[in-house]
Amino acid sequence: SIGGFPNGLSAVASREETLPLYEMYLQGYKMKIMTKATAYHFHEQTGGCRSVEQDKAESCYSKDEQIFRERIKELDEKYKK
């Protein structure tokens, strides 16, 4: 099973989609790129990264990056990549 989205990320939740996709890759799932697909990303007026004051956002991104790198190491060890 896939570990899902990581716990402990800040309100900006930087790279939250990357970890479950990377784990799927390590488990052998095949991923396809649909070059003609169109993706829409709707932005809410509030919440997420918009709920963090600009002067605090950088520390949130740094914290999330640290969590991301630690989790990548854990996944690589788990799947012996």
Protein backbone atom coordinates (compact mmCIF):
# COMPACT_ATOMS: atom_id res chain seq x y z
CA SER A 1 0.00 0.00 0.00
CA ILE A 2 1.03 3.58 -0.56
CA GLY A 3 1.92 5.61 2.53
CA GLY A 4 -0.27 8.51 1.46
CA PHE A 5 0.33 12.18 2.03
CA PRO A 6 2.96 12.99 4.65
CA ASN A 7 1.96 14.19 8.09
CA GLY A 8 3.59 17.21 9.66
CA LEU A 9 3.82 19.47 6.64
CA SER A 10 3.20 23.17 7.13
CA ALA A 11 0.20 25.05 5.77
CA VAL A 12 2.04 25.56 2.48
CA ALA A 13 2.31 21.75 2.12
CA SER A 14 5.18 21.97 -0.33
CA ARG A 15 5.76 18.79 -2.40
CA GLU A 16 2.91 16.89 -0.80
CA GLU A 17 1.99 15.16 -4.06
CA THR A 18 5.53 14.02 -4.82
CA LEU A 19 5.97 11.52 -2.01
CA PRO A 20 3.02 9.19 -2.73
CA LEU A 21 3.85 9.27 -6.44
CA TYR A 22 7.48 8.44 -5.75
CA GLU A 23 6.42 5.55 -3.53
CA MET A 24 4.18 4.25 -6.31
CA TYR A 25 7.16 4.42 -8.67
CA LEU A 26 9.34 2.49 -6.19
CA GLN A 27 6.63 -0.18 -5.92
CA GLY A 28 6.81 -0.71 -9.65
CA TYR A 29 3.71 1.11 -10.82
CA LYS A 30 4.00 2.39 -14.37
CA MET A 31 3.27 6.04 -14.86
CA LYS A 32 2.24 7.56 -18.12
CA ILE A 33 2.40 11.15 -19.24
CA MET A 34 -0.58 12.32 -21.20
CA THR A 35 1.01 15.00 -23.35
CA LYS A 36 -2.32 16.24 -24.72
CA ALA A 37 -4.05 16.42 -21.35
CA THR A 38 -5.09 19.73 -19.83
CA ALA A 39 -4.86 20.22 -16.09
CA TYR A 40 -6.62 22.92 -14.13
CA HIS A 41 -5.46 24.08 -10.73
CA PHE A 42 -8.09 26.11 -8.97
CA HIS A 43 -6.85 28.59 -6.41
CA GLU A 44 -8.98 29.34 -3.40
CA GLN A 45 -8.91 32.83 -1.96
CA THR A 46 -7.85 31.53 1.45
CA GLY A 47 -6.17 28.50 2.99
CA GLY A 48 -3.00 26.59 2.27
CA CYS A 49 -0.05 28.76 1.32
CA ARG A 50 -2.33 31.82 1.24
CA SER A 51 -2.94 31.45 4.99
CA VAL A 52 0.75 31.97 5.81
CA GLU A 53 2.18 35.44 6.12
CA GLN A 54 4.83 36.08 3.51
CA ASP A 55 7.61 36.60 6.07
CA LYS A 56 6.87 33.15 7.57
CA ALA A 57 6.38 31.31 4.29
CA GLU A 58 10.09 30.73 3.66
CA SER A 59 10.51 28.88 6.94
CA CYS A 60 7.46 26.76 6.10
CA TYR A 61 8.95 25.78 2.74
CA SER A 62 12.27 24.97 4.43
CA LYS A 63 10.57 22.78 7.03
CA ASP A 64 8.60 20.96 4.35
CA GLU A 65 11.77 20.45 2.30
CA GLN A 66 13.45 18.83 5.30
CA ILE A 67 10.48 16.50 5.82
CA PHE A 68 10.51 15.70 2.08
CA ARG A 69 14.21 14.80 2.03
CA GLU A 70 13.92 12.64 5.16
CA ARG A 71 10.93 10.78 3.73
CA ILE A 72 12.71 10.20 0.40
CA LYS A 73 15.60 8.59 2.31
CA GLU A 74 13.15 6.40 4.24
CA LEU A 75 11.43 5.30 1.04
CA ASP A 76 14.71 4.57 -0.72
CA GLU A 77 15.81 2.46 2.24
CA LYS A 78 12.44 0.69 2.43
CA TYR A 79 12.54 -0.23 -1.26
CA LYS A 80 16.37 -0.49 -1.48
CA LYS A 81 16.72 1.88 -4.41
